[in-house]
Protein backbone atom coordinates (compact mmCIF):
# COMPACT_ATOMS: atom_id res chain seq x y z
CA MET A 1 13.63 -8.84 12.61
CA ARG A 2 14.02 -6.27 15.23
CA PHE A 3 11.06 -3.82 16.12
CA LEU A 4 10.92 -1.06 18.42
CA ILE A 5 7.73 -0.30 19.89
CA ILE A 6 7.22 3.46 21.18
CA GLY A 7 4.45 3.49 23.77
CA GLY A 8 2.98 -0.15 23.71
CA THR A 9 1.15 0.14 27.45
CA THR A 10 -2.29 0.44 26.08
CA PHE A 11 -4.61 -2.58 25.65
CA ILE A 12 -3.44 -2.73 21.67
CA GLY A 13 0.34 -2.43 22.31
CA PRO A 14 0.39 -5.91 24.15
CA CYS A 15 -1.42 -7.70 21.67
CA VAL A 16 0.56 -6.14 18.73
CA VAL A 17 3.99 -7.27 21.12
CA ARG A 18 2.57 -10.99 21.51
CA HIS A 19 1.67 -11.28 17.87
CA LEU A 20 5.19 -10.41 16.57
CA THR A 21 7.11 -12.33 19.17
CA GLU A 22 5.03 -15.48 18.20
CA ALA A 23 6.18 -14.89 14.99
CA GLY A 24 9.72 -15.10 15.94
CA HIS A 25 10.52 -11.40 15.98
CA ARG A 26 12.61 -9.55 18.55
CA ILE A 27 10.53 -6.74 20.32
CA THR A 28 11.89 -3.54 22.52
CA VAL A 29 9.01 -1.51 24.40
CA PHE A 30 10.18 2.25 24.94
CA ASN A 31 7.86 4.15 27.48
CA ARG A 32 7.74 6.00 30.86
CA GLY A 33 8.21 2.43 33.18
CA GLN A 34 4.49 0.59 32.64
CA SER A 35 6.28 -1.82 30.44
CA VAL A 36 4.61 -4.80 28.67
CA ALA A 37 7.86 -6.22 28.62
CA ALA A 38 6.85 -8.13 32.14
CA LEU A 39 4.15 -9.68 30.29
CA LEU A 40 6.26 -11.74 27.91
CA PRO A 41 9.42 -13.47 28.15
CA GLY A 42 12.40 -12.20 25.90
CA VAL A 43 10.69 -8.74 25.45
CA ALA A 44 13.17 -6.18 26.25
CA ALA A 45 12.41 -2.36 27.51
CA ILE A 46 14.12 1.03 27.70
CA LYS A 47 12.47 3.32 30.11
CA GLY A 48 12.09 6.93 28.86
CA ASP A 49 9.93 9.89 27.83
CA ARG A 50 9.12 10.31 24.15
CA THR A 51 9.82 13.99 24.50
CA ARG A 52 13.50 13.09 25.05
CA LEU A 53 14.13 10.71 22.44
CA SER A 54 17.43 12.57 21.33
CA ASP A 55 18.47 11.51 24.89
CA PHE A 56 18.30 7.91 24.01
CA GLY A 57 20.25 8.02 20.53
CA ALA A 58 23.37 5.79 21.66
CA ASP A 59 20.78 3.31 22.71
CA PHE A 60 18.87 2.97 19.68
CA ARG A 61 22.01 2.84 17.58
CA ARG A 62 22.91 -0.31 19.87
CA LEU A 63 19.32 -1.88 19.48
CA ALA A 64 19.61 -1.09 15.67
CA PRO A 65 15.86 -1.59 14.99
CA GLU A 66 14.90 -2.40 11.41
CA VAL A 67 11.01 -1.03 12.16
CA VAL A 68 9.85 1.45 14.74
CA ILE A 69 5.84 1.07 15.74
CA ASP A 70 4.61 4.36 17.03
CA MET A 71 1.54 3.20 18.89
CA ILE A 72 1.11 6.86 20.27
CA PRO A 73 1.76 10.08 17.83
CA HIS A 74 -0.55 12.56 18.88
CA ALA A 75 1.08 15.43 17.71
CA GLU A 76 3.25 16.59 14.82
CA ALA A 77 6.18 17.58 17.09
CA GLU A 78 6.18 13.86 18.38
CA ALA A 79 6.14 12.60 14.86
CA GLN A 80 8.53 14.61 13.63
CA ALA A 81 10.98 13.50 16.63
CA VAL A 82 10.66 10.22 15.75
CA MET A 83 11.31 10.58 11.95
CA ARG A 84 14.58 12.80 12.80
CA THR A 85 15.68 10.22 15.53
CA PHE A 86 15.64 6.95 13.50
CA ARG A 87 16.42 8.43 9.95
CA ASP A 88 19.77 6.91 10.15
CA ILE A 89 18.77 3.79 12.27
CA ALA A 90 15.74 2.01 11.24
CA ARG A 91 14.39 1.09 7.65
CA ARG A 92 10.95 2.27 8.34
CA VAL A 93 8.28 3.76 10.71
CA VAL A 94 4.97 2.63 10.97
CA ALA A 95 2.40 5.05 13.36
CA VAL A 96 -0.77 4.51 14.66
CA SER A 97 -3.37 7.06 13.11
CA SER A 98 -7.31 7.66 13.48
CA MET A 99 -10.23 7.88 11.17
CA ASP A 100 -11.16 11.07 12.45
CA VAL A 101 -8.62 12.71 9.78
CA TYR A 102 -11.49 12.44 7.46
CA ARG A 103 -13.60 15.28 6.32
CA ALA A 104 -16.87 13.14 7.09
CA TYR A 105 -15.62 13.30 10.55
CA GLY A 106 -15.27 16.92 10.41
CA CYS A 107 -18.52 17.31 8.88
CA PHE A 108 -20.31 14.80 12.02
CA THR A 109 -18.42 17.05 14.72
CA ARG A 110 -19.57 20.32 12.95
CA ILE A 111 -16.21 21.73 12.55
CA GLU A 112 -16.47 21.30 9.16
CA ALA A 113 -19.26 22.79 6.59
CA GLY A 114 -21.47 19.93 4.62
CA THR A 115 -23.20 16.71 5.79
CA PRO A 116 -21.24 13.76 6.80
CA ALA A 117 -20.83 11.21 4.23
CA THR A 118 -23.07 8.10 3.86
CA GLU A 119 -20.80 5.81 2.05
CA PRO A 120 -17.67 3.97 3.01
CA LEU A 121 -14.71 6.21 3.20
CA ALA A 122 -11.56 4.59 1.33
CA GLU A 123 -7.91 5.66 2.17
CA ASP A 124 -8.21 8.54 -0.53
CA ALA A 125 -11.27 9.97 0.87
CA PRO A 126 -11.16 13.77 1.66
CA LEU A 127 -9.29 14.65 5.10
CA ARG A 128 -10.55 17.45 7.60
CA THR A 129 -9.45 20.86 6.18
CA GLN A 130 -9.83 22.40 9.92
CA LEU A 131 -6.96 21.23 12.16
CA TYR A 132 -6.93 20.39 15.82
CA PRO A 133 -10.20 19.32 16.07
CA TYR A 134 -10.54 19.15 19.73
CA ARG A 135 -8.64 22.38 20.37
CA ALA A 136 -11.80 24.13 21.45
CA GLN A 137 -12.20 21.72 24.31
CA ALA A 138 -8.59 22.27 25.70
CA ARG A 139 -8.03 24.25 28.77
CA SER A 140 -4.69 25.52 27.87
CA GLU A 141 -1.89 25.48 25.61
CA ASP A 142 -0.41 22.90 27.71
CA ASP A 143 -3.66 20.47 27.27
CA PHE A 144 -2.87 17.33 25.27
CA LEU A 145 -6.29 18.35 23.31
CA TYR A 146 -4.60 21.78 21.99
CA HIS A 147 -2.00 19.97 19.73
CA TYR A 148 -3.84 16.79 19.01
CA ASP A 149 -4.16 16.01 15.48
CA LYS A 150 -3.30 12.79 13.56
CA ILE A 151 -2.93 14.83 10.14
CA PRO A 152 0.07 16.56 10.64
CA VAL A 153 1.40 13.28 12.33
CA GLU A 154 0.87 11.41 8.94
CA ARG A 155 2.15 14.43 6.79
CA ALA A 156 5.43 14.01 9.12
CA VAL A 157 5.67 10.38 8.70
CA MET A 158 4.62 10.06 5.10
CA ASN A 159 6.88 12.93 3.54
CA ASP A 160 10.35 12.08 5.26
CA ASP A 161 12.68 11.80 2.01
CA ARG A 162 14.91 9.61 4.20
CA LEU A 163 13.08 7.29 5.93
CA PRO A 164 10.03 5.45 4.72
CA GLY A 165 6.56 5.46 6.62
CA THR A 166 3.53 3.38 6.69
CA VAL A 167 0.31 4.90 8.30
CA LEU A 168 -2.50 3.11 10.07
CA ARG A 169 -5.62 4.57 10.57
CA LEU A 170 -7.63 2.69 13.36
CA PRO A 171 -11.22 2.51 13.84
CA LYS A 172 -13.01 2.31 17.39
CA VAL A 173 -11.36 -0.70 19.10
CA TYR A 174 -13.28 -2.69 21.52
CA GLY A 175 -12.04 -5.85 23.14
CA PRO A 176 -10.89 -6.88 26.77
CA ARG A 177 -9.08 -3.93 28.98
CA GLU A 178 -10.53 -1.66 26.67
CA PRO A 179 -10.05 1.68 28.70
CA GLN A 180 -13.31 3.56 27.30
CA ARG A 181 -15.67 0.53 27.74
CA ARG A 182 -17.48 1.53 24.49
CA LEU A 183 -19.62 -1.45 24.07
CA ARG A 184 -20.52 -1.67 27.72
CA GLU A 185 -23.92 -0.42 27.59
CA TYR A 186 -24.95 -2.55 24.77
CA VAL A 187 -23.05 -5.82 26.56
CA ARG A 188 -24.28 -4.89 29.95
CA ARG A 189 -27.90 -4.99 28.88
CA MET A 190 -27.69 -8.07 26.84
CA ALA A 191 -25.98 -9.81 30.02
CA ASP A 192 -29.13 -8.86 31.80
CA GLY A 193 -30.98 -10.43 29.21
CA ARG A 194 -33.22 -7.42 28.56
CA PRO A 195 -35.61 -7.63 25.64
CA ALA A 196 -34.58 -4.52 23.70
CA ILE A 197 -32.16 -2.01 23.72
CA LEU A 198 -33.32 1.38 23.77
CA LEU A 199 -31.19 4.19 21.67
CA GLU A 200 -31.62 7.67 20.41
CA GLU A 201 -32.42 8.29 17.00
CA ALA A 202 -29.03 9.96 16.20
CA GLN A 203 -27.22 7.55 17.80
CA ALA A 204 -29.13 4.38 16.42
CA GLN A 205 -28.37 6.04 13.04
CA TRP A 206 -24.55 6.69 13.75
CA ARG A 207 -22.27 4.43 11.64
CA TRP A 208 -18.53 4.33 12.82
CA THR A 209 -15.83 1.42 11.65
CA ARG A 210 -15.14 -0.90 14.72
CA GLY A 211 -12.34 -3.48 14.79
CA TYR A 212 -11.57 -6.26 17.50
CA VAL A 213 -8.56 -5.51 19.36
CA GLU A 214 -6.78 -8.93 18.57
CA ASN A 215 -7.83 -8.48 14.96
CA VAL A 216 -6.44 -4.49 14.85
CA ALA A 217 -3.09 -5.79 16.84
CA ALA A 218 -2.62 -8.72 13.99
CA ALA A 219 -3.13 -5.74 11.30
CA ILE A 220 -0.41 -3.68 12.88
CA ALA A 221 2.04 -6.37 13.13
CA LEU A 222 1.45 -7.37 9.47
CA ALA A 223 1.94 -4.04 8.03
CA ALA A 224 5.20 -3.56 10.31
CA ILE A 225 6.35 -7.18 8.93
CA ASP A 226 5.36 -6.73 5.51
CA GLU A 227 8.13 -4.24 3.50
CA ARG A 228 5.32 -3.63 0.92
CA ALA A 229 3.54 -1.64 3.13
CA ALA A 230 6.48 1.10 2.93
CA GLY A 231 5.09 4.49 1.63
CA ARG A 232 1.19 3.05 2.16
CA ILE A 233 -1.77 4.24 4.11
CA TYR A 234 -4.17 1.47 5.35
CA ASN A 235 -7.65 1.89 6.97
CA ILE A 236 -7.97 -0.89 9.58
CA GLY A 237 -11.53 -1.96 10.29
CA GLU A 238 -14.44 -4.62 10.18
CA ALA A 239 -16.06 -5.13 7.11
CA GLU A 240 -19.30 -5.03 8.28
CA ARG A 241 -20.41 -1.41 9.97
């Protein structure tokens, strides 16, 4: 199969590329130039800005990807542009989302009324009613946080009559080259041989789904390859919280 990956320079993206190439698929990466193409032979690259997708229509038509994997759809306008651009080119779009879409997350961050849910959340769990969860932290309307919200992204991908979509809600991803180093405070103390890791009570009670980068990448690749994923939304994460 022919795949186009939008983004793909994050620490997850190169793993997705490797899983797909090792399975014998043809991969092209579209990004601003920091391409993962140099990491693997046979991976092509198109250099460009995702805010100007329409400028590359001829390139995309020549490429004729069967599936487009959008690794970084942060705002509704970005998702709409992807669906509009590839309606008459691709068979399906796979969009990477987040578990911050759930109402339980809104309760946890106190932008929603109520208490956070204690039971595991399935894909049909209630979503946030308050959109743009980080807008209060934005410095201006040009700030990335002002427009960020995966809920409108998901709606754009899943409600297009002409191009089927698949949404993958990712957990807290950890592993090599993870930029936020989410497990550093634990691993460093383990490496130092400390007898205990001290946590604040609230932090110790916090439960969040995690996923190792290679496993998350394998799940993204599987959903992209399998046509049965069309029209579906999936949580990705480890069974143990």
